[in-house]
Amino acid sequence: TLVDLKWRFSLLVFILAYAVTWLFFGLIWWFIAYCRGDLDHLEDHAWTPCVNNLNGFVSAFLFSIETETTIGYGHRVITDKCPEGIVLLLLQAILGSMVNAFMVGCMFVKISQPNKRAETLVFSSHAVVSLRDDRLCLMFRVGDLRDSHIVEASIRAKLIKSKQTQEGEFIPLDQTDLSVGFETGDDRLFLVSPLIISHEIDERSPFWDVSRHQLEKDDFEIVVILEGMVEAT
């Protein structure tokens, strides 16, 4: 969900995740100091508090930030006379690591999404059925507009069409593979220039028994999927 959110909402969640965690643990540090009576012995040098130089909620909040971010200024520091503080320190360290891993992971995945990269992969506006090497073929063109190439690019096509089985079952979105060179390896592309992708209409093709007039009337869709890795990443 975080990866699919818009950037403004993702950044808001990112900020709130840290701010709420710091506030929550800051409140607990202040509550421990309040229950132990540390706030009533601020000027008593013989008193050993749970956290040195913690004199209120603001300082507890700052200590929470310093603990979770491992800044460690040294002015406020936990003492060994406070077992509940040691347990809380362990919990905050573990939870802080989990928050870091989760939020940084989400941001990394969101940054590395190839949405803009996919916009520079262009398909031809029309597909054509024509003779090629004396064979009837369905053809379209695909090209990459960027200088950085797509590595290990592969292409596949699916025909989506309603179908009724021999038993009378109606399948509204039946998917059939269209061969674009899987047997010969032509489905693996080297996209340095626009390429023409060809599907030969032979006995194995779902268009083998379809006439030109029926093709114009039929209700179907061909979905083409191009997969690959961005060269730079």
Protein backbone atom coordinates (compact mmCIF):
# COMPACT_ATOMS: atom_id res chain seq x y z
CA THR A 1 0.00 0.00 0.00
CA LEU A 2 2.78 2.45 0.87
CA VAL A 3 4.56 1.76 -2.41
CA ASP A 4 1.39 2.44 -4.43
CA LEU A 5 0.52 5.68 -2.57
CA LYS A 6 1.27 9.07 -4.07
CA TRP A 7 4.56 10.65 -3.04
CA ARG A 8 3.00 13.26 -0.73
CA PHE A 9 1.18 10.56 1.26
CA SER A 10 4.23 8.28 1.32
CA LEU A 11 6.40 11.10 2.69
CA LEU A 12 3.72 11.95 5.25
CA VAL A 13 3.63 8.32 6.45
CA PHE A 14 7.45 8.26 6.45
CA ILE A 15 7.63 11.36 8.69
CA LEU A 16 4.80 10.23 10.96
CA ALA A 17 6.34 6.78 11.48
CA TYR A 18 9.43 8.34 13.04
CA ALA A 19 7.71 11.25 14.80
CA VAL A 20 5.07 9.04 16.45
CA THR A 21 7.72 6.52 17.54
CA TRP A 22 9.88 9.24 19.09
CA LEU A 23 6.88 10.80 20.84
CA PHE A 24 5.64 7.44 22.12
CA PHE A 25 8.96 6.41 23.64
CA GLY A 26 9.61 9.97 24.87
CA LEU A 27 6.34 9.78 26.77
CA ILE A 28 7.36 6.44 28.33
CA TRP A 29 10.79 7.81 29.35
CA TRP A 30 9.07 10.78 30.98
CA PHE A 31 6.55 8.46 32.68
CA ILE A 32 9.33 6.32 34.13
CA ALA A 33 11.12 9.41 35.46
CA TYR A 34 7.84 10.71 36.92
CA CYS A 35 6.98 7.40 38.65
CA ARG A 36 10.49 7.00 40.09
CA GLY A 37 10.44 10.54 41.47
CA ASP A 38 13.39 11.71 39.36
CA LEU A 39 11.59 14.94 38.52
CA ASP A 40 11.28 15.74 42.25
CA HIS A 41 15.04 15.33 42.86
CA LEU A 42 16.45 17.44 40.04
CA GLU A 43 18.74 19.40 42.37
CA ASP A 44 19.62 16.42 44.59
CA HIS A 45 23.10 15.29 43.50
CA ALA A 46 22.93 12.26 45.79
CA TRP A 47 19.92 10.91 43.88
CA THR A 48 20.61 8.51 40.99
CA PRO A 49 17.93 9.05 38.32
CA CYS A 50 16.98 6.63 35.55
CA VAL A 51 18.33 9.07 32.94
CA ASN A 52 20.79 11.80 33.87
CA ASN A 53 19.78 15.38 32.98
CA LEU A 54 16.17 14.44 32.16
CA ASN A 55 14.11 17.27 33.67
CA GLY A 56 10.83 17.13 31.75
CA PHE A 57 8.92 15.88 28.73
CA VAL A 58 10.97 17.89 26.21
CA SER A 59 14.24 16.43 27.46
CA ALA A 60 12.63 12.96 27.50
CA PHE A 61 11.57 13.48 23.88
CA LEU A 62 15.09 14.56 22.93
CA PHE A 63 16.53 11.52 24.72
CA SER A 64 14.12 9.31 22.76
CA ILE A 65 15.37 10.79 19.49
CA GLU A 66 19.01 10.42 20.54
CA THR A 67 18.42 6.80 21.55
CA GLU A 68 16.60 5.71 18.40
CA THR A 69 18.88 7.54 15.99
CA THR A 70 22.04 6.58 17.97
CA ILE A 71 23.19 10.21 18.02
CA GLY A 72 24.52 9.92 21.56
CA TYR A 73 25.36 13.51 22.58
CA GLY A 74 26.39 12.26 26.04
CA HIS A 75 24.56 14.92 28.07
CA ARG A 76 21.55 12.70 28.76
CA VAL A 77 22.51 9.11 29.48
CA ILE A 78 20.81 6.12 31.11
CA THR A 79 22.16 4.83 34.44
CA ASP A 80 22.57 1.25 35.65
CA LYS A 81 20.17 1.78 38.58
CA CYS A 82 17.07 1.63 36.38
CA PRO A 83 16.14 -1.91 35.17
CA GLU A 84 12.89 -0.73 33.57
CA GLY A 85 14.88 1.85 31.61
CA ILE A 86 17.28 -0.82 30.36
CA VAL A 87 14.35 -2.94 29.13
CA LEU A 88 12.83 0.10 27.43
CA LEU A 89 16.18 0.92 25.82
CA LEU A 90 16.36 -2.59 24.34
CA LEU A 91 12.77 -2.36 23.04
CA GLN A 92 13.34 1.04 21.47
CA ALA A 93 16.58 -0.08 19.82
CA ILE A 94 14.88 -3.15 18.32
CA LEU A 95 11.73 -1.31 17.25
CA GLY A 96 13.79 1.56 15.84
CA SER A 97 15.75 -0.86 13.66
CA MET A 98 12.48 -2.38 12.42
CA VAL A 99 11.04 1.05 11.59
CA ASN A 100 14.23 1.98 9.74
CA ALA A 101 14.25 -1.24 7.73
CA PHE A 102 10.55 -0.99 6.88
CA MET A 103 10.42 2.69 5.92
CA VAL A 104 13.75 2.79 4.07
CA GLY A 105 12.75 -0.39 2.23
CA CYS A 106 9.45 1.16 1.16
CA MET A 107 11.16 4.34 -0.02
CA PHE A 108 13.79 2.36 -1.94
CA VAL A 109 11.17 0.28 -3.74
CA LYS A 110 9.12 3.38 -4.55
CA ILE A 111 12.16 5.25 -5.92
CA SER A 112 13.23 2.28 -8.05
CA GLN A 113 9.81 1.82 -9.69
CA PRO A 114 10.26 2.13 -13.48
CA ASN A 115 7.07 4.09 -14.15
CA LYS A 116 8.80 6.88 -16.07
CA ARG A 117 11.08 4.39 -17.80
CA ALA A 118 8.08 2.48 -19.11
CA GLU A 119 6.71 5.67 -20.72
CA THR A 120 9.65 5.71 -23.15
CA LEU A 121 8.78 2.24 -24.51
CA VAL A 122 6.57 2.95 -27.50
CA PHE A 123 4.30 0.56 -29.37
CA SER A 124 2.92 1.18 -32.85
CA SER A 125 -0.59 2.63 -32.94
CA HIS A 126 -1.84 -0.09 -35.28
CA ALA A 127 -1.19 -3.77 -35.82
CA VAL A 128 -1.31 -5.12 -39.36
CA VAL A 129 -1.94 -8.50 -40.98
CA SER A 130 0.23 -8.90 -44.04
CA LEU A 131 2.39 -11.32 -45.99
CA ARG A 132 5.97 -11.70 -44.80
CA ASP A 133 8.21 -14.23 -46.51
CA ASP A 134 5.06 -15.53 -48.19
CA ARG A 135 3.47 -16.23 -44.80
CA LEU A 136 0.49 -14.41 -43.34
CA CYS A 137 1.60 -12.63 -40.16
CA LEU A 138 0.16 -10.32 -37.52
CA MET A 139 2.77 -7.60 -36.97
CA PHE A 140 3.34 -4.57 -34.76
CA ARG A 141 6.36 -2.48 -33.86
CA VAL A 142 8.01 -1.66 -30.54
CA GLY A 143 10.81 0.81 -29.86
CA ASP A 144 12.83 2.28 -26.98
CA LEU A 145 13.32 6.07 -26.96
CA ARG A 146 16.11 6.22 -24.36
CA ASP A 147 19.83 5.80 -24.85
CA SER A 148 20.10 3.39 -21.92
CA HIS A 149 19.09 -0.03 -23.18
CA ILE A 150 16.74 -2.60 -21.72
CA VAL A 151 18.71 -5.70 -20.76
CA GLU A 152 17.31 -9.23 -21.18
CA ALA A 153 14.20 -7.88 -22.86
CA SER A 154 11.54 -10.43 -23.75
CA ILE A 155 8.10 -10.03 -25.25
CA ARG A 156 4.94 -12.11 -25.18
CA ALA A 157 1.38 -11.62 -26.38
CA LYS A 158 -1.98 -12.92 -25.22
CA LEU A 159 -5.32 -12.99 -26.98
CA ILE A 160 -8.21 -12.18 -24.61
CA LYS A 161 -11.57 -13.20 -25.97
CA SER A 162 -14.83 -14.71 -24.73
CA LYS A 163 -15.19 -18.42 -25.37
CA GLN A 164 -17.80 -21.11 -25.05
CA THR A 165 -16.62 -24.66 -24.41
CA GLN A 166 -18.08 -27.79 -25.98
CA GLU A 167 -19.90 -28.47 -22.70
CA GLY A 168 -21.62 -25.10 -22.89
CA GLU A 169 -19.52 -23.28 -20.30
CA PHE A 170 -19.05 -19.57 -21.09
CA ILE A 171 -15.62 -18.09 -20.30
CA PRO A 172 -15.80 -14.27 -20.59
CA LEU A 173 -12.02 -13.57 -20.49
CA ASP A 174 -10.29 -16.60 -21.95
CA GLN A 175 -6.54 -16.10 -22.46
CA THR A 176 -4.65 -17.69 -25.33
CA ASP A 177 -0.93 -17.33 -26.00
CA LEU A 178 0.11 -15.84 -29.34
CA SER A 179 3.46 -17.15 -30.47
CA VAL A 180 5.89 -14.29 -31.16
CA GLY A 181 9.01 -16.41 -31.55
CA PHE A 182 9.26 -18.44 -28.34
CA GLU A 183 10.31 -21.59 -30.21
CA THR A 184 13.03 -19.79 -32.20
CA GLY A 185 14.17 -17.34 -29.51
CA ASP A 186 12.89 -14.31 -31.43
CA ASP A 187 10.89 -13.28 -28.36
CA ARG A 188 14.18 -12.17 -26.73
CA LEU A 189 14.81 -8.65 -27.99
CA PHE A 190 17.84 -6.42 -28.41
CA LEU A 191 16.15 -3.03 -28.41
CA VAL A 192 18.78 -0.78 -29.96
CA SER A 193 16.35 0.23 -32.71
CA PRO A 194 12.60 -0.22 -33.30
CA LEU A 195 11.73 -3.85 -33.99
CA ILE A 196 8.83 -5.47 -35.80
CA ILE A 197 7.25 -8.25 -33.76
CA SER A 198 5.61 -10.92 -35.86
CA HIS A 199 3.04 -13.59 -35.06
CA GLU A 200 2.74 -16.15 -37.85
CA ILE A 201 -0.86 -17.16 -38.53
CA ASP A 202 -0.48 -20.91 -38.99
CA GLU A 203 -2.47 -23.96 -37.90
CA ARG A 204 -1.57 -23.33 -34.23
CA SER A 205 -2.70 -19.70 -34.30
CA PRO A 206 -6.15 -18.78 -32.93
CA PHE A 207 -6.60 -16.61 -36.07
CA TRP A 208 -6.14 -19.56 -38.47
CA ASP A 209 -9.89 -20.07 -39.08
CA VAL A 210 -10.83 -16.37 -38.89
CA SER A 211 -11.66 -14.54 -42.10
CA ARG A 212 -11.01 -10.87 -42.72
CA HIS A 213 -14.68 -9.94 -42.30
CA GLN A 214 -14.98 -11.98 -39.11
CA LEU A 215 -11.82 -10.34 -37.77
CA GLU A 216 -13.41 -6.92 -38.18
CA LYS A 217 -16.56 -7.98 -36.30
CA ASP A 218 -15.02 -10.07 -33.51
CA ASP A 219 -14.72 -8.60 -30.02
CA PHE A 220 -11.25 -9.40 -28.68
CA GLU A 221 -8.10 -7.76 -27.33
CA ILE A 222 -4.42 -8.55 -27.74
CA VAL A 223 -2.28 -7.69 -24.71
CA VAL A 224 1.47 -7.38 -25.35
CA ILE A 225 3.86 -7.62 -22.38
CA LEU A 226 7.46 -6.43 -22.65
CA GLU A 227 9.72 -7.36 -19.73
CA GLY A 228 13.33 -6.50 -19.04
CA MET A 229 15.82 -4.85 -16.72
CA VAL A 230 16.99 -1.25 -16.83
CA GLU A 231 20.66 -1.20 -17.78
CA ALA A 232 21.68 1.34 -15.13
CA THR A 233 20.09 -0.57 -12.22
